[in-house]
Every structure is written in C-alpha cells, then in structure tokens.
C-alpha cells in the first residue's frame, strides 16, 4: 500500500507544484475536510475509480458453452467535486456502454490498481496509469483544490491548472 510519503516522492520527482497537508485531523466526509481546511466544500476533490463492463470481442470457452458474454472491465478515474453526484450517463456514453455497466470499483480493486485505500486516493501519483476524466466544472471554477493525500489524515493542495497538466485528463461535464 502506498502512503503520503510515496505521493511526496512522486511530487518531488515530477516537479509538481503541489503541497501535502499532513495531520489535518479526521476528515471522513467532505464537510469535515472543508471545515478542517477552512474552505468551501466545492474546493474538495474526490477521486473515484470506476469500471466500465464492456463485452469482449473474444469468446471464451465458457461463454461459448453458457451463452454468457465475456465481460472485461475497463478501469478509469473520475475527479469531481466532493459533494456533487457523478452522473453515470456521461460515463456510459464515453465508454459506449449502458449505465448499468458503469460501476464503482470495490475497495480491493482501488487499492490494487491505484495503490491507495479508498477514501484517501489522491488525484495523481497512482500505481497504475489509468485514463482520467475530470469534471469540467472544476476547470470553470479554477484555482486551488484539495484532494486525497494518500491516507485519511492527509490532503493534497494543488491548482486545477496543475492537476490538468499532470493528470492529462479528458475534461467533460460529469457532476449533477
């Protein structure tokens, strides 16, 4: 499992203009994090790992016998405002699947792919390179944001411009 120290190394090695804020207290919710940082809740980012269940073009032996499709999940990250709901329709449209085929990744998959526990996932510095979708309302709002810092007591401060530079996301409207 990665830690805030791993995230700090990533920041340093890549000359990223960002700062880890350590030991800010228990921040299990967006309002608690906003209060601890004395910022508006819309300045708190959430970084979520989703899976798009796509049908594989290849038929496996079991599928040929059972008639069930071979489904290979495609992981992708969504970065949005902490309290806003992420709509599944734009995600489904982006990946060419129905909305029922878009699922939040379970915590063990989040940890395995991204290296950080769910709830402390930073918007950058993941174990595995995964496509990133960024809510366009963050770009419109601009300025400083605070995201997961690698654990539940650390936050990462960076500008949306730096986030876009580092994460190289696809920017689309995502939140409701």
C-alpha atoms as a PDB file:
ATOM      1  CA  UNK A   1       0.000   0.000   0.000  1.00  0.00           C
ATOM      2  CA  UNK A   2       1.251   3.472  -0.880  1.00  0.00           C
ATOM      3  CA  UNK A   3       1.492   6.239   1.671  1.00  0.00           C
ATOM      4  CA  UNK A   4       1.670  10.045   1.667  1.00  0.00           C
ATOM      5  CA  UNK A   5       5.471   9.647   1.564  1.00  0.00           C
ATOM      6  CA  UNK A   6       5.139   7.847  -1.792  1.00  0.00           C
ATOM      7  CA  UNK A   7       2.945  10.673  -3.050  1.00  0.00           C
ATOM      8  CA  UNK A   8       5.514  13.242  -1.865  1.00  0.00           C
ATOM      9  CA  UNK A   9       8.250  11.397  -3.791  1.00  0.00           C
ATOM     10  CA  UNK A  10       6.062  11.471  -6.915  1.00  0.00           C
ATOM     11  CA  UNK A  11       5.502  15.214  -6.460  1.00  0.00           C
ATOM     12  CA  UNK A  12       9.230  15.875  -5.978  1.00  0.00           C
ATOM     13  CA  UNK A  13      10.410  13.621  -8.824  1.00  0.00           C
ATOM     14  CA  UNK A  14       7.986  15.231 -11.282  1.00  0.00           C
ATOM     15  CA  UNK A  15       8.431  18.855 -10.182  1.00  0.00           C
ATOM     16  CA  UNK A  16       4.730  19.207  -9.408  1.00  0.00           C
ATOM     17  CA  UNK A  17       3.533  22.440  -7.839  1.00  0.00           C
ATOM     18  CA  UNK A  18       1.532  20.842  -5.026  1.00  0.00           C
ATOM     19  CA  UNK A  19       1.725  20.525  -1.275  1.00  0.00           C
ATOM     20  CA  UNK A  20       0.772  17.755   1.135  1.00  0.00           C
ATOM     21  CA  UNK A  21      -1.037  18.954   4.240  1.00  0.00           C
ATOM     22  CA  UNK A  22      -0.382  16.306   6.885  1.00  0.00           C
ATOM     23  CA  UNK A  23      -2.141  15.523  10.143  1.00  0.00           C
ATOM     24  CA  UNK A  24      -5.105  17.793   9.454  1.00  0.00           C
ATOM     25  CA  UNK A  25      -7.295  15.625  11.664  1.00  0.00           C
ATOM     26  CA  UNK A  26     -10.010  13.119  10.946  1.00  0.00           C
ATOM     27  CA  UNK A  27     -11.759  14.060   7.695  1.00  0.00           C
ATOM     28  CA  UNK A  28     -14.163  11.224   6.876  1.00  0.00           C
ATOM     29  CA  UNK A  29     -16.541  13.494   4.929  1.00  0.00           C
ATOM     30  CA  UNK A  30     -16.286  16.404   2.525  1.00  0.00           C
ATOM     31  CA  UNK A  31     -17.821  18.848   5.053  1.00  0.00           C
ATOM     32  CA  UNK A  32     -15.310  17.704   7.697  1.00  0.00           C
ATOM     33  CA  UNK A  33     -12.380  18.161   5.287  1.00  0.00           C
ATOM     34  CA  UNK A  34     -13.692  21.578   4.189  1.00  0.00           C
ATOM     35  CA  UNK A  35     -14.049  22.669   7.821  1.00  0.00           C
ATOM     36  CA  UNK A  36     -10.559  21.420   8.721  1.00  0.00           C
ATOM     37  CA  UNK A  37      -9.092  23.364   5.795  1.00  0.00           C
ATOM     38  CA  UNK A  38     -11.408  26.377   6.165  1.00  0.00           C
ATOM     39  CA  UNK A  39     -12.540  26.173   2.511  1.00  0.00           C
ATOM     40  CA  UNK A  40     -15.841  25.765   0.675  1.00  0.00           C
ATOM     41  CA  UNK A  41     -16.922  22.131   0.130  1.00  0.00           C
ATOM     42  CA  UNK A  42     -16.706  22.625  -3.664  1.00  0.00           C
ATOM     43  CA  UNK A  43     -12.922  23.007  -3.220  1.00  0.00           C
ATOM     44  CA  UNK A  44     -12.648  19.388  -2.047  1.00  0.00           C
ATOM     45  CA  UNK A  45     -11.962  16.876  -4.827  1.00  0.00           C
ATOM     46  CA  UNK A  46     -12.993  13.278  -4.916  1.00  0.00           C
ATOM     47  CA  UNK A  47     -11.021  10.762  -6.922  1.00  0.00           C
ATOM     48  CA  UNK A  48     -13.078   7.696  -7.772  1.00  0.00           C
ATOM     49  CA  UNK A  49     -12.193   4.552  -9.677  1.00  0.00           C
ATOM     50  CA  UNK A  50     -14.951   3.271 -11.942  1.00  0.00           C
ATOM     51  CA  UNK A  51     -15.170   0.149 -14.051  1.00  0.00           C
ATOM     52  CA  UNK A  52     -16.912   0.013 -17.424  1.00  0.00           C
ATOM     53  CA  UNK A  53     -18.072  -3.534 -18.093  1.00  0.00           C
ATOM     54  CA  UNK A  54     -17.535  -3.990 -21.814  1.00  0.00           C
ATOM     55  CA  UNK A  55     -18.214  -7.066 -23.874  1.00  0.00           C
ATOM     56  CA  UNK A  56     -15.058  -8.633 -25.179  1.00  0.00           C
ATOM     57  CA  UNK A  57     -14.864  -9.367 -28.885  1.00  0.00           C
ATOM     58  CA  UNK A  58     -13.289 -12.677 -27.967  1.00  0.00           C
ATOM     59  CA  UNK A  59     -15.459 -15.555 -26.838  1.00  0.00           C
ATOM     60  CA  UNK A  60     -14.050 -17.655 -24.059  1.00  0.00           C
ATOM     61  CA  UNK A  61     -14.756 -21.385 -23.894  1.00  0.00           C
ATOM     62  CA  UNK A  62     -17.186 -20.883 -21.000  1.00  0.00           C
ATOM     63  CA  UNK A  63     -19.107 -18.239 -22.938  1.00  0.00           C
ATOM     64  CA  UNK A  64     -19.452 -20.477 -25.962  1.00  0.00           C
ATOM     65  CA  UNK A  65     -20.981 -23.175 -23.753  1.00  0.00           C
ATOM     66  CA  UNK A  66     -23.063 -20.968 -21.450  1.00  0.00           C
ATOM     67  CA  UNK A  67     -24.095 -18.204 -23.820  1.00  0.00           C
ATOM     68  CA  UNK A  68     -22.912 -15.636 -21.236  1.00  0.00           C
ATOM     69  CA  UNK A  69     -20.807 -12.731 -22.503  1.00  0.00           C
ATOM     70  CA  UNK A  70     -17.117 -12.455 -21.620  1.00  0.00           C
ATOM     71  CA  UNK A  71     -17.025  -9.115 -19.777  1.00  0.00           C
ATOM     72  CA  UNK A  72     -13.677  -7.361 -19.330  1.00  0.00           C
ATOM     73  CA  UNK A  73     -13.884  -4.292 -17.064  1.00  0.00           C
ATOM     74  CA  UNK A  74     -12.136  -1.128 -18.198  1.00  0.00           C
ATOM     75  CA  UNK A  75     -10.927   0.976 -15.246  1.00  0.00           C
ATOM     76  CA  UNK A  76     -10.974   4.771 -15.338  1.00  0.00           C
ATOM     77  CA  UNK A  77     -10.669   7.562 -12.790  1.00  0.00           C
ATOM     78  CA  UNK A  78     -13.196  10.324 -12.246  1.00  0.00           C
ATOM     79  CA  UNK A  79     -12.166  13.527 -10.475  1.00  0.00           C
ATOM     80  CA  UNK A  80     -15.061  15.708  -9.403  1.00  0.00           C
ATOM     81  CA  UNK A  81     -16.357  17.918  -6.596  1.00  0.00           C
ATOM     82  CA  UNK A  82     -16.554  16.024  -3.328  1.00  0.00           C
ATOM     83  CA  UNK A  83     -20.242  16.539  -2.622  1.00  0.00           C
ATOM     84  CA  UNK A  84     -21.643  16.513  -6.135  1.00  0.00           C
ATOM     85  CA  UNK A  85     -23.072  13.361  -7.608  1.00  0.00           C
ATOM     86  CA  UNK A  86     -21.255  12.000 -10.652  1.00  0.00           C
ATOM     87  CA  UNK A  87     -23.767  11.166 -13.355  1.00  0.00           C
ATOM     88  CA  UNK A  88     -23.379   7.726 -14.898  1.00  0.00           C
ATOM     89  CA  UNK A  89     -24.864   8.786 -18.263  1.00  0.00           C
ATOM     90  CA  UNK A  90     -21.779  10.774 -19.413  1.00  0.00           C
ATOM     91  CA  UNK A  91     -19.543   7.901 -18.254  1.00  0.00           C
ATOM     92  CA  UNK A  92     -21.628   5.316 -20.096  1.00  0.00           C
ATOM     93  CA  UNK A  93     -21.674   7.467 -23.233  1.00  0.00           C
ATOM     94  CA  UNK A  94     -17.904   7.941 -23.063  1.00  0.00           C
ATOM     95  CA  UNK A  95     -17.292   4.178 -22.866  1.00  0.00           C
ATOM     96  CA  UNK A  96     -20.091   3.135 -25.203  1.00  0.00           C
ATOM     97  CA  UNK A  97     -21.999   1.035 -22.678  1.00  0.00           C
ATOM     98  CA  UNK A  98     -25.329   1.206 -20.846  1.00  0.00           C
ATOM     99  CA  UNK A  99     -25.426   2.944 -17.462  1.00  0.00           C
ATOM    100  CA  UNK A 100     -25.890  -0.408 -15.697  1.00  0.00           C
ATOM    101  CA  UNK A 101     -22.414  -1.368 -16.939  1.00  0.00           C
ATOM    102  CA  UNK A 102     -20.733   1.525 -15.065  1.00  0.00           C
ATOM    103  CA  UNK A 103     -19.781   0.539 -11.518  1.00  0.00           C
ATOM    104  CA  UNK A 104     -17.664   1.983  -8.729  1.00  0.00           C
ATOM    105  CA  UNK A 105     -14.655  -0.240  -8.210  1.00  0.00           C
ATOM    106  CA  UNK A 106     -14.631  -2.167  -4.929  1.00  0.00           C
ATOM    107  CA  UNK A 107     -12.021  -1.095  -2.329  1.00  0.00           C
ATOM    108  CA  UNK A 108      -9.704  -4.044  -3.047  1.00  0.00           C
ATOM    109  CA  UNK A 109      -9.563  -3.126  -6.751  1.00  0.00           C
ATOM    110  CA  UNK A 110      -8.937   0.544  -5.874  1.00  0.00           C
ATOM    111  CA  UNK A 111      -6.020  -0.478  -3.660  1.00  0.00           C
ATOM    112  CA  UNK A 112      -4.611  -2.951  -6.207  1.00  0.00           C
ATOM    113  CA  UNK A 113      -4.777  -0.600  -9.213  1.00  0.00           C
ATOM    114  CA  UNK A 114      -4.159   2.806  -7.654  1.00  0.00           C
ATOM    115  CA  UNK A 115      -2.057   1.813  -4.632  1.00  0.00           C
ATOM    116  CA  UNK A 116      -4.044   3.918  -2.162  1.00  0.00           C
ATOM    117  CA  UNK A 117      -7.012   2.994   0.019  1.00  0.00           C
ATOM    118  CA  UNK A 118     -10.465   4.209  -0.995  1.00  0.00           C
ATOM    119  CA  UNK A 119     -11.145   7.468   0.827  1.00  0.00           C
ATOM    120  CA  UNK A 120      -7.522   8.620   0.630  1.00  0.00           C
ATOM    121  CA  UNK A 121      -6.875   8.320  -3.107  1.00  0.00           C
ATOM    122  CA  UNK A 122      -5.001  11.335  -4.459  1.00  0.00           C
ATOM    123  CA  UNK A 123      -5.854  12.686  -7.907  1.00  0.00           C
ATOM    124  CA  UNK A 124      -2.276  11.967  -9.124  1.00  0.00           C
ATOM    125  CA  UNK A 125       0.589   9.543  -8.482  1.00  0.00           C
ATOM    126  CA  UNK A 126      -1.210   6.217  -8.861  1.00  0.00           C
ATOM    127  CA  UNK A 127       0.436   2.800  -9.086  1.00  0.00           C
ATOM    128  CA  UNK A 128      -1.145   2.057 -12.456  1.00  0.00           C
ATOM    129  CA  UNK A 129      -1.711   4.503 -15.298  1.00  0.00           C
ATOM    130  CA  UNK A 130      -5.483   4.696 -15.765  1.00  0.00           C
ATOM    131  CA  UNK A 131      -7.423   7.105 -18.021  1.00  0.00           C
ATOM    132  CA  UNK A 132      -8.690  10.158 -16.110  1.00  0.00           C
ATOM    133  CA  UNK A 133     -11.931  12.067 -16.605  1.00  0.00           C
ATOM    134  CA  UNK A 134     -12.104  15.498 -14.977  1.00  0.00           C
ATOM    135  CA  UNK A 135     -15.378  17.290 -14.282  1.00  0.00           C
ATOM    136  CA  UNK A 136     -15.406  20.417 -16.461  1.00  0.00           C
ATOM    137  CA  UNK A 137     -16.984  22.431 -13.627  1.00  0.00           C
ATOM    138  CA  UNK A 138     -13.648  22.203 -11.773  1.00  0.00           C
ATOM    139  CA  UNK A 139     -11.882  23.876 -14.691  1.00  0.00           C
ATOM    140  CA  UNK A 140     -14.587  26.538 -14.857  1.00  0.00           C
ATOM    141  CA  UNK A 141     -14.228  27.235 -11.128  1.00  0.00           C
ATOM    142  CA  UNK A 142     -10.407  27.251 -11.336  1.00  0.00           C
ATOM    143  CA  UNK A 143      -7.986  27.993  -8.515  1.00  0.00           C
ATOM    144  CA  UNK A 144      -6.884  25.851  -5.574  1.00  0.00           C
ATOM    145  CA  UNK A 145      -8.380  22.464  -4.751  1.00  0.00           C
ATOM    146  CA  UNK A 146      -7.766  19.857  -2.080  1.00  0.00           C
ATOM    147  CA  UNK A 147      -7.801  16.130  -2.790  1.00  0.00           C
ATOM    148  CA  UNK A 148      -6.855  12.935  -1.044  1.00  0.00           C
ATOM    149  CA  UNK A 149      -3.271  12.860   0.137  1.00  0.00           C
ATOM    150  CA  UNK A 150      -2.717   9.126   0.440  1.00  0.00           C
ATOM    151  CA  UNK A 151      -4.431   8.472   3.771  1.00  0.00           C
ATOM    152  CA  UNK A 152      -7.368   9.752   5.833  1.00  0.00           C
ATOM    153  CA  UNK A 153      -5.367  12.453   7.645  1.00  0.00           C
ATOM    154  CA  UNK A 154      -3.511  13.998   4.685  1.00  0.00           C
ATOM    155  CA  UNK A 155      -4.773  16.272   1.932  1.00  0.00           C
ATOM    156  CA  UNK A 156      -3.105  17.373  -1.295  1.00  0.00           C
ATOM    157  CA  UNK A 157      -3.338  21.048  -2.280  1.00  0.00           C
ATOM    158  CA  UNK A 158      -2.890  21.978  -5.944  1.00  0.00           C
ATOM    159  CA  UNK A 159      -4.413  24.179  -8.605  1.00  0.00           C
ATOM    160  CA  UNK A 160      -6.736  22.789 -11.214  1.00  0.00           C
ATOM    161  CA  UNK A 161      -4.273  24.005 -13.840  1.00  0.00           C
ATOM    162  CA  UNK A 162      -1.506  21.877 -12.302  1.00  0.00           C
ATOM    163  CA  UNK A 163      -3.877  18.937 -11.972  1.00  0.00           C
ATOM    164  CA  UNK A 164      -4.712  19.194 -15.689  1.00  0.00           C
ATOM    165  CA  UNK A 165      -1.013  19.440 -16.582  1.00  0.00           C
ATOM    166  CA  UNK A 166      -0.045  16.379 -14.546  1.00  0.00           C
ATOM    167  CA  UNK A 167      -3.081  14.088 -14.943  1.00  0.00           C
ATOM    168  CA  UNK A 168      -3.727  14.976 -18.605  1.00  0.00           C
ATOM    169  CA  UNK A 169      -7.427  14.177 -18.201  1.00  0.00           C
ATOM    170  CA  UNK A 170     -10.303  14.212 -20.629  1.00  0.00           C
ATOM    171  CA  UNK A 171     -12.388  17.180 -19.454  1.00  0.00           C
ATOM    172  CA  UNK A 172     -16.144  16.623 -19.686  1.00  0.00           C
ATOM    173  CA  UNK A 173     -19.265  17.619 -17.712  1.00  0.00           C
ATOM    174  CA  UNK A 174     -19.752  14.969 -15.028  1.00  0.00           C
ATOM    175  CA  UNK A 175     -21.485  16.298 -11.927  1.00  0.00           C
ATOM    176  CA  UNK A 176     -25.124  16.897 -11.195  1.00  0.00           C
END
